[in-house]
Every structure is written in C-alpha cells, then in structure tokens.
Amino acid sequence: MLSALGDMQIQSLMVEGGARIISSFLHSGLADSLIITVCPTMVGEEGVGYNVKEQVRSIKRFKASFF
C-alpha cells in the first residue's frame, strides 16, 4: 500500500489507529513526525488514568512537546 502511494507521488500520510497500527509504523521506521492527541480518559471500573507523556518521551527518535 505504501509503495503504491509513493508511486503516486503522495509524500504525506495521516495514520489514525490503535496501539497495533501506530506501533507497526514506529517500529518500521515509517514515521518521521507524530502528532498525538490524548483526551483525559479514565479506563476501567476504578477510573485508572495512564501517562502517555512518559511513553512518548521514551521514543528517542522524536522530540516530544506537550501543550
């Protein structure tokens, strides 16, 4: 799919997905920039939050900025 898009001179692609699709792009080296939008979501019966900032900071190839 990505080769076909390249053949059509498409140089930019917005990818939306869950952990599996995003991880596959990151691990394959196919992402050169990330824009991550996270809403304050509580997960599970206990309303447990998660710290996406630390996970993003652990990706050394990208500079992380939070607003």
Protein backbone atom coordinates (compact mmCIF):
# COMPACT_ATOMS: atom_id res chain seq x y z
CA MET A 1 0.00 0.00 0.00
CA LEU A 2 2.72 2.49 0.94
CA SER A 3 4.69 1.68 -2.20
CA ALA A 4 1.62 2.39 -4.32
CA LEU A 5 1.12 5.73 -2.57
CA GLY A 6 4.78 6.58 -3.20
CA ASP A 7 4.36 5.71 -6.88
CA MET A 8 1.52 8.27 -6.98
CA GLN A 9 3.89 10.91 -5.50
CA ILE A 10 1.99 11.00 -2.20
CA GLN A 11 4.57 12.08 0.38
CA SER A 12 2.44 12.65 3.44
CA LEU A 13 0.01 10.32 5.16
CA MET A 14 -2.10 10.74 8.27
CA VAL A 15 -2.45 7.46 10.12
CA GLU A 16 -5.12 7.03 12.77
CA GLY A 17 -5.28 3.82 14.70
CA GLY A 18 -4.80 1.98 17.89
CA ALA A 19 -1.69 0.62 19.50
CA ARG A 20 -1.04 -2.07 16.90
CA ILE A 21 -1.08 0.13 13.79
CA ILE A 22 0.78 3.02 15.39
CA SER A 23 3.41 0.67 16.85
CA SER A 24 3.95 -1.00 13.48
CA PHE A 25 4.65 2.37 11.82
CA LEU A 26 7.04 3.39 14.61
CA HIS A 27 8.93 0.09 14.72
CA SER A 28 9.22 0.02 10.92
CA GLY A 29 10.76 3.49 10.86
CA LEU A 30 7.97 4.77 8.62
CA ALA A 31 7.01 7.74 10.80
CA ASP A 32 9.09 10.91 10.64
CA SER A 33 6.78 13.00 12.81
CA LEU A 34 3.98 12.41 15.28
CA ILE A 35 1.06 14.50 16.43
CA ILE A 36 -0.62 12.77 19.34
CA THR A 37 -3.89 13.97 20.76
CA VAL A 38 -4.93 12.43 24.06
CA CYS A 39 -8.10 13.30 25.90
CA PRO A 40 -8.15 12.86 29.66
CA THR A 41 -9.73 9.42 29.63
CA MET A 42 -10.18 7.19 32.61
CA VAL A 43 -10.01 3.47 31.94
CA GLY A 44 -11.73 0.63 33.80
CA GLU A 45 -14.00 0.42 36.79
CA GLU A 46 -11.50 2.17 39.06
CA GLY A 47 -11.11 5.09 36.66
CA VAL A 48 -7.37 4.49 36.27
CA GLY A 49 -5.62 7.04 34.07
CA TYR A 50 -2.48 6.47 32.05
CA ASN A 51 0.63 8.56 31.46
CA VAL A 52 1.13 8.84 27.72
CA LYS A 53 3.75 11.58 28.14
CA GLU A 54 6.31 9.17 29.58
CA GLN A 55 5.62 6.62 26.85
CA VAL A 56 6.12 9.24 24.13
CA ARG A 57 9.28 10.58 25.76
CA SER A 58 10.74 7.06 25.65
CA ILE A 59 10.75 7.13 21.83
CA LYS A 60 14.24 8.53 21.26
CA ARG A 61 13.80 9.35 17.55
CA PHE A 62 11.23 12.08 18.24
CA LYS A 63 11.30 15.34 20.15
CA ALA A 64 8.27 15.49 22.43
CA SER A 65 6.39 18.72 23.11
CA PHE A 66 3.27 18.88 25.24
CA PHE A 67 0.71 21.69 25.24
